[in-house]
């Protein structure tokens, strides 16, 4: 596994990958690991990083980070996956974004995620043994604009969270969430409509 960090130049092998732009400031570490070539990372302007690991396995993975975002935690992509993070979005604490098998995580503008986990697939494939059919196909995950995801919430594959939604601490979100509502619990359910957060 070859990697790039602010203190180490890209290896010849890693140069088959692209890293365009750079964070404005790095607090702690920024590590980008490539297992193979043909991947790309794009940092727009004014991005701040605090202890961020980016790991790309396979080829054709794309990570794009919007202007003015603040990033920490871990971002993992494998097998032609895509993660797009909008402008002025914050991933704080030990956030984990994981996209795999050609699926996408799309996060809008001005979102805040605190030590949350967002995944396009489960940890391992699960099959119906009588029909040899996969039961947990990977699916895209979408977060709209101005979404708040509180401490240690889990956003599962296939979920769409609309603009202005609030996800409570340690919520397990397996179904889509409508705009300007708050959800909490395991599994997450709507606990209040017409919410706003600042």
C-alpha atoms as a PDB file:
ATOM      1  CA  UNK A   1       0.000   0.000   0.000  1.00  0.00           C
ATOM      2  CA  UNK A   2       1.588   3.251  -1.119  1.00  0.00           C
ATOM      3  CA  UNK A   3       0.657   6.530   0.432  1.00  0.00           C
ATOM      4  CA  UNK A   4       0.985  10.279   0.260  1.00  0.00           C
ATOM      5  CA  UNK A   5       1.326  12.544   3.220  1.00  0.00           C
ATOM      6  CA  UNK A   6       2.329  16.155   3.587  1.00  0.00           C
ATOM      7  CA  UNK A   7       5.844  15.041   4.553  1.00  0.00           C
ATOM      8  CA  UNK A   8       6.308  12.450   1.811  1.00  0.00           C
ATOM      9  CA  UNK A   9       6.265  12.783  -1.967  1.00  0.00           C
ATOM     10  CA  UNK A  10       4.153  10.518  -4.152  1.00  0.00           C
ATOM     11  CA  UNK A  11       5.901   7.327  -5.207  1.00  0.00           C
ATOM     12  CA  UNK A  12       6.209   6.462  -8.895  1.00  0.00           C
ATOM     13  CA  UNK A  13       3.385   3.936  -8.552  1.00  0.00           C
ATOM     14  CA  UNK A  14       1.137   6.357  -6.711  1.00  0.00           C
ATOM     15  CA  UNK A  15       1.625   8.916  -9.462  1.00  0.00           C
ATOM     16  CA  UNK A  16      -0.906   6.946 -11.499  1.00  0.00           C
ATOM     17  CA  UNK A  17      -3.352   8.497  -9.023  1.00  0.00           C
ATOM     18  CA  UNK A  18      -4.259  12.194  -8.920  1.00  0.00           C
ATOM     19  CA  UNK A  19      -4.313  14.532  -5.950  1.00  0.00           C
ATOM     20  CA  UNK A  20      -5.470  17.965  -7.131  1.00  0.00           C
ATOM     21  CA  UNK A  21      -5.294  20.899  -4.761  1.00  0.00           C
ATOM     22  CA  UNK A  22      -4.300  20.757  -1.113  1.00  0.00           C
ATOM     23  CA  UNK A  23      -5.829  21.719   2.221  1.00  0.00           C
ATOM     24  CA  UNK A  24      -5.228  25.269   3.387  1.00  0.00           C
ATOM     25  CA  UNK A  25      -4.172  23.973   6.803  1.00  0.00           C
ATOM     26  CA  UNK A  26      -3.452  20.578   8.358  1.00  0.00           C
ATOM     27  CA  UNK A  27      -3.751  20.000  12.108  1.00  0.00           C
ATOM     28  CA  UNK A  28      -2.189  16.639  12.919  1.00  0.00           C
ATOM     29  CA  UNK A  29      -1.955  14.236   9.993  1.00  0.00           C
ATOM     30  CA  UNK A  30      -3.313  13.864   6.477  1.00  0.00           C
ATOM     31  CA  UNK A  31      -2.609  10.468   4.930  1.00  0.00           C
ATOM     32  CA  UNK A  32      -3.834   9.340   1.519  1.00  0.00           C
ATOM     33  CA  UNK A  33      -3.289   5.639   0.769  1.00  0.00           C
ATOM     34  CA  UNK A  34      -3.629   4.112  -2.693  1.00  0.00           C
ATOM     35  CA  UNK A  35      -3.697   0.346  -3.152  1.00  0.00           C
ATOM     36  CA  UNK A  36      -3.751   0.679  -6.948  1.00  0.00           C
ATOM     37  CA  UNK A  37      -3.707   3.379  -9.622  1.00  0.00           C
ATOM     38  CA  UNK A  38      -6.445   5.269 -11.436  1.00  0.00           C
ATOM     39  CA  UNK A  39      -7.936   7.083  -8.438  1.00  0.00           C
ATOM     40  CA  UNK A  40      -8.422  10.800  -7.851  1.00  0.00           C
ATOM     41  CA  UNK A  41      -8.752  13.224  -4.938  1.00  0.00           C
ATOM     42  CA  UNK A  42      -9.821  16.843  -5.445  1.00  0.00           C
ATOM     43  CA  UNK A  43      -9.498  19.469  -2.734  1.00  0.00           C
ATOM     44  CA  UNK A  44     -11.151  22.811  -3.500  1.00  0.00           C
ATOM     45  CA  UNK A  45      -9.986  26.034  -1.782  1.00  0.00           C
ATOM     46  CA  UNK A  46      -9.865  26.833   1.946  1.00  0.00           C
ATOM     47  CA  UNK A  47     -10.178  23.272   3.271  1.00  0.00           C
ATOM     48  CA  UNK A  48      -9.009  22.514   6.804  1.00  0.00           C
ATOM     49  CA  UNK A  49      -7.932  19.007   7.827  1.00  0.00           C
ATOM     50  CA  UNK A  50      -7.515  17.566  11.313  1.00  0.00           C
ATOM     51  CA  UNK A  51      -6.199  13.993  11.482  1.00  0.00           C
ATOM     52  CA  UNK A  52      -7.700  12.624   8.267  1.00  0.00           C
ATOM     53  CA  UNK A  53      -7.015   9.244   6.643  1.00  0.00           C
ATOM     54  CA  UNK A  54      -8.138   8.657   3.059  1.00  0.00           C
ATOM     55  CA  UNK A  55      -7.835   5.099   1.768  1.00  0.00           C
ATOM     56  CA  UNK A  56      -8.534   3.998  -1.809  1.00  0.00           C
ATOM     57  CA  UNK A  57      -8.649   0.323  -2.751  1.00  0.00           C
ATOM     58  CA  UNK A  58      -9.027  -0.784  -6.364  1.00  0.00           C
ATOM     59  CA  UNK A  59      -9.297   1.654  -9.273  1.00  0.00           C
ATOM     60  CA  UNK A  60     -11.645   4.379 -10.455  1.00  0.00           C
ATOM     61  CA  UNK A  61     -12.393   5.871  -7.035  1.00  0.00           C
ATOM     62  CA  UNK A  62     -13.161   9.604  -6.806  1.00  0.00           C
ATOM     63  CA  UNK A  63     -13.203  11.882  -3.749  1.00  0.00           C
ATOM     64  CA  UNK A  64     -14.183  15.532  -4.195  1.00  0.00           C
ATOM     65  CA  UNK A  65     -14.188  17.956  -1.255  1.00  0.00           C
ATOM     66  CA  UNK A  66     -15.924  21.326  -1.558  1.00  0.00           C
ATOM     67  CA  UNK A  67     -14.590  24.750  -0.683  1.00  0.00           C
ATOM     68  CA  UNK A  68     -14.307  25.714   2.978  1.00  0.00           C
ATOM     69  CA  UNK A  69     -14.943  22.225   4.364  1.00  0.00           C
ATOM     70  CA  UNK A  70     -13.379  20.926   7.586  1.00  0.00           C
ATOM     71  CA  UNK A  71     -12.438  17.244   7.603  1.00  0.00           C
ATOM     72  CA  UNK A  72     -11.366  14.692  10.197  1.00  0.00           C
ATOM     73  CA  UNK A  73     -11.716  10.940  10.641  1.00  0.00           C
ATOM     74  CA  UNK A  74     -11.497   8.318   7.896  1.00  0.00           C
ATOM     75  CA  UNK A  75     -12.724   8.219   4.306  1.00  0.00           C
ATOM     76  CA  UNK A  76     -12.553   4.848   2.528  1.00  0.00           C
ATOM     77  CA  UNK A  77     -13.398   4.129  -1.109  1.00  0.00           C
ATOM     78  CA  UNK A  78     -13.115   0.866  -3.021  1.00  0.00           C
ATOM     79  CA  UNK A  79     -13.867  -0.473  -6.478  1.00  0.00           C
ATOM     80  CA  UNK A  80     -14.913   2.629  -8.472  1.00  0.00           C
ATOM     81  CA  UNK A  81     -16.776   4.350  -5.636  1.00  0.00           C
ATOM     82  CA  UNK A  82     -17.424   8.093  -5.373  1.00  0.00           C
ATOM     83  CA  UNK A  83     -17.697  10.447  -2.401  1.00  0.00           C
ATOM     84  CA  UNK A  84     -18.646  14.076  -3.021  1.00  0.00           C
ATOM     85  CA  UNK A  85     -18.630  16.489  -0.071  1.00  0.00           C
ATOM     86  CA  UNK A  86     -20.246  19.895  -0.580  1.00  0.00           C
ATOM     87  CA  UNK A  87     -18.979  23.327   0.404  1.00  0.00           C
ATOM     88  CA  UNK A  88     -18.532  24.362   4.040  1.00  0.00           C
ATOM     89  CA  UNK A  89     -19.306  20.896   5.365  1.00  0.00           C
ATOM     90  CA  UNK A  90     -17.724  19.583   8.565  1.00  0.00           C
ATOM     91  CA  UNK A  91     -16.687  16.009   9.390  1.00  0.00           C
ATOM     92  CA  UNK A  92     -15.616  16.199  13.022  1.00  0.00           C
ATOM     93  CA  UNK A  93     -14.161  13.705  15.476  1.00  0.00           C
ATOM     94  CA  UNK A  94     -13.946  10.108  14.294  1.00  0.00           C
ATOM     95  CA  UNK A  95     -16.275  10.304  11.290  1.00  0.00           C
ATOM     96  CA  UNK A  96     -16.186   7.329   8.924  1.00  0.00           C
ATOM     97  CA  UNK A  97     -17.354   7.530   5.302  1.00  0.00           C
ATOM     98  CA  UNK A  98     -17.199   4.245   3.388  1.00  0.00           C
ATOM     99  CA  UNK A  99     -18.266   3.868  -0.266  1.00  0.00           C
ATOM    100  CA  UNK A 100     -17.749   0.647  -2.206  1.00  0.00           C
ATOM    101  CA  UNK A 101     -18.684  -1.349  -5.285  1.00  0.00           C
ATOM    102  CA  UNK A 102     -19.303   1.598  -7.586  1.00  0.00           C
ATOM    103  CA  UNK A 103     -21.708   3.329  -5.200  1.00  0.00           C
ATOM    104  CA  UNK A 104     -21.763   6.968  -4.091  1.00  0.00           C
ATOM    105  CA  UNK A 105     -21.979   9.026  -0.944  1.00  0.00           C
ATOM    106  CA  UNK A 106     -23.236  12.521  -1.760  1.00  0.00           C
ATOM    107  CA  UNK A 107     -23.141  15.086   1.046  1.00  0.00           C
ATOM    108  CA  UNK A 108     -24.588  18.542   0.449  1.00  0.00           C
ATOM    109  CA  UNK A 109     -23.463  21.993   1.514  1.00  0.00           C
ATOM    110  CA  UNK A 110     -23.179  23.230   5.102  1.00  0.00           C
ATOM    111  CA  UNK A 111     -23.646  19.812   6.715  1.00  0.00           C
ATOM    112  CA  UNK A 112     -22.160  18.854  10.079  1.00  0.00           C
ATOM    113  CA  UNK A 113     -21.325  15.247  10.982  1.00  0.00           C
ATOM    114  CA  UNK A 114     -19.879  14.454  14.420  1.00  0.00           C
ATOM    115  CA  UNK A 115     -18.161  11.066  14.829  1.00  0.00           C
ATOM    116  CA  UNK A 116     -20.826   9.584  12.539  1.00  0.00           C
ATOM    117  CA  UNK A 117     -20.608   6.582  10.205  1.00  0.00           C
ATOM    118  CA  UNK A 118     -21.995   6.624   6.655  1.00  0.00           C
ATOM    119  CA  UNK A 119     -21.787   3.447   4.527  1.00  0.00           C
ATOM    120  CA  UNK A 120     -23.000   2.377   1.084  1.00  0.00           C
ATOM    121  CA  UNK A 121     -22.732  -1.307   2.000  1.00  0.00           C
ATOM    122  CA  UNK A 122     -22.682  -3.608   4.969  1.00  0.00           C
ATOM    123  CA  UNK A 123     -19.384  -4.921   6.303  1.00  0.00           C
ATOM    124  CA  UNK A 124     -19.720  -8.215   4.362  1.00  0.00           C
ATOM    125  CA  UNK A 125     -22.038  -9.523   1.614  1.00  0.00           C
ATOM    126  CA  UNK A 126     -24.902 -11.679   2.907  1.00  0.00           C
ATOM    127  CA  UNK A 127     -26.607 -14.263   0.674  1.00  0.00           C
ATOM    128  CA  UNK A 128     -29.825 -16.274   0.643  1.00  0.00           C
ATOM    129  CA  UNK A 129     -28.210 -19.711   0.518  1.00  0.00           C
ATOM    130  CA  UNK A 130     -31.280 -21.410  -0.972  1.00  0.00           C
ATOM    131  CA  UNK A 131     -31.333 -19.056  -3.984  1.00  0.00           C
ATOM    132  CA  UNK A 132     -27.691 -17.925  -4.046  1.00  0.00           C
ATOM    133  CA  UNK A 133     -28.952 -14.330  -4.160  1.00  0.00           C
ATOM    134  CA  UNK A 134     -27.339 -11.414  -2.371  1.00  0.00           C
ATOM    135  CA  UNK A 135     -29.586  -9.898   0.288  1.00  0.00           C
ATOM    136  CA  UNK A 136     -27.669  -6.694   1.015  1.00  0.00           C
ATOM    137  CA  UNK A 137     -26.756  -5.066  -2.293  1.00  0.00           C
ATOM    138  CA  UNK A 138     -24.830  -1.792  -1.891  1.00  0.00           C
ATOM    139  CA  UNK A 139     -26.795   1.429  -2.457  1.00  0.00           C
ATOM    140  CA  UNK A 140     -26.009   5.140  -2.751  1.00  0.00           C
ATOM    141  CA  UNK A 141     -26.395   7.414   0.284  1.00  0.00           C
ATOM    142  CA  UNK A 142     -27.431  11.067  -0.087  1.00  0.00           C
ATOM    143  CA  UNK A 143     -27.460  13.867   2.472  1.00  0.00           C
ATOM    144  CA  UNK A 144     -29.066  17.147   1.410  1.00  0.00           C
ATOM    145  CA  UNK A 145     -27.946  20.621   2.407  1.00  0.00           C
ATOM    146  CA  UNK A 146     -27.690  21.799   6.032  1.00  0.00           C
ATOM    147  CA  UNK A 147     -28.036  18.326   7.580  1.00  0.00           C
ATOM    148  CA  UNK A 148     -26.898  17.770  11.175  1.00  0.00           C
ATOM    149  CA  UNK A 149     -25.720  14.256  12.067  1.00  0.00           C
ATOM    150  CA  UNK A 150     -25.029  14.000  15.787  1.00  0.00           C
ATOM    151  CA  UNK A 151     -22.473  12.009  17.743  1.00  0.00           C
ATOM    152  CA  UNK A 152     -22.012   8.337  16.708  1.00  0.00           C
ATOM    153  CA  UNK A 153     -25.070   8.159  14.447  1.00  0.00           C
ATOM    154  CA  UNK A 154     -25.049   5.453  11.756  1.00  0.00           C
ATOM    155  CA  UNK A 155     -26.395   6.134   8.251  1.00  0.00           C
ATOM    156  CA  UNK A 156     -27.023   2.873   6.381  1.00  0.00           C
ATOM    157  CA  UNK A 157     -26.918   2.041   2.670  1.00  0.00           C
ATOM    158  CA  UNK A 158     -29.730   3.416   0.533  1.00  0.00           C
ATOM    159  CA  UNK A 159     -30.701   6.222   2.913  1.00  0.00           C
ATOM    160  CA  UNK A 160     -31.581   9.702   1.638  1.00  0.00           C
ATOM    161  CA  UNK A 161     -31.668  12.536   4.170  1.00  0.00           C
ATOM    162  CA  UNK A 162     -33.424  15.692   2.993  1.00  0.00           C
ATOM    163  CA  UNK A 163     -32.405  19.309   3.589  1.00  0.00           C
ATOM    164  CA  UNK A 164     -32.399  20.613   7.149  1.00  0.00           C
ATOM    165  CA  UNK A 165     -32.854  17.243   8.870  1.00  0.00           C
ATOM    166  CA  UNK A 166     -31.383  16.523  12.309  1.00  0.00           C
ATOM    167  CA  UNK A 167     -30.130  13.039  13.196  1.00  0.00           C
ATOM    168  CA  UNK A 168     -29.904  12.355  16.945  1.00  0.00           C
ATOM    169  CA  UNK A 169     -26.897  10.929  18.764  1.00  0.00           C
ATOM    170  CA  UNK A 170     -26.373   7.196  18.215  1.00  0.00           C
ATOM    171  CA  UNK A 171     -29.373   6.973  15.905  1.00  0.00           C
ATOM    172  CA  UNK A 172     -29.349   4.074  13.437  1.00  0.00           C
ATOM    173  CA  UNK A 173     -30.875   5.434  10.230  1.00  0.00           C
ATOM    174  CA  UNK A 174     -32.075   2.704   7.862  1.00  0.00           C
ATOM    175  CA  UNK A 175     -34.924   4.581   6.140  1.00  0.00           C
ATOM    176  CA  UNK A 176     -34.933   7.913   4.333  1.00  0.00           C
ATOM    177  CA  UNK A 177     -35.592  11.109   6.321  1.00  0.00           C
ATOM    178  CA  UNK A 178     -37.791  14.005   5.157  1.00  0.00           C
ATOM    179  CA  UNK A 179     -36.720  17.641   5.294  1.00  0.00           C
ATOM    180  CA  UNK A 180     -36.620  19.682   8.490  1.00  0.00           C
ATOM    181  CA  UNK A 181     -37.448  16.833  10.833  1.00  0.00           C
ATOM    182  CA  UNK A 182     -35.525  15.260  13.702  1.00  0.00           C
ATOM    183  CA  UNK A 183     -35.033  11.515  14.041  1.00  0.00           C
ATOM    184  CA  UNK A 184     -33.635   9.480  16.923  1.00  0.00           C
ATOM    185  CA  UNK A 185     -33.371   5.926  18.190  1.00  0.00           C
ATOM    186  CA  UNK A 186     -32.502   2.453  16.906  1.00  0.00           C
ATOM    187  CA  UNK A 187     -34.020   2.138  14.418  1.00  0.00           C
ATOM    188  CA  UNK A 188     -34.397   5.892  13.955  1.00  0.00           C
ATOM    189  CA  UNK A 189     -37.932   7.313  13.928  1.00  0.00           C
ATOM    190  CA  UNK A 190     -39.231  10.858  13.521  1.00  0.00           C
ATOM    191  CA  UNK A 191     -39.485  12.602  16.892  1.00  0.00           C
ATOM    192  CA  UNK A 192     -40.252  16.147  15.715  1.00  0.00           C
ATOM    193  CA  UNK A 193     -41.189  18.015  12.538  1.00  0.00           C
ATOM    194  CA  UNK A 194     -40.454  21.610  11.523  1.00  0.00           C
ATOM    195  CA  UNK A 195     -37.017  21.779  13.149  1.00  0.00           C
ATOM    196  CA  UNK A 196     -34.184  24.182  12.372  1.00  0.00           C
ATOM    197  CA  UNK A 197     -30.621  24.080  13.601  1.00  0.00           C
ATOM    198  CA  UNK A 198     -27.846  26.697  13.680  1.00  0.00           C
END
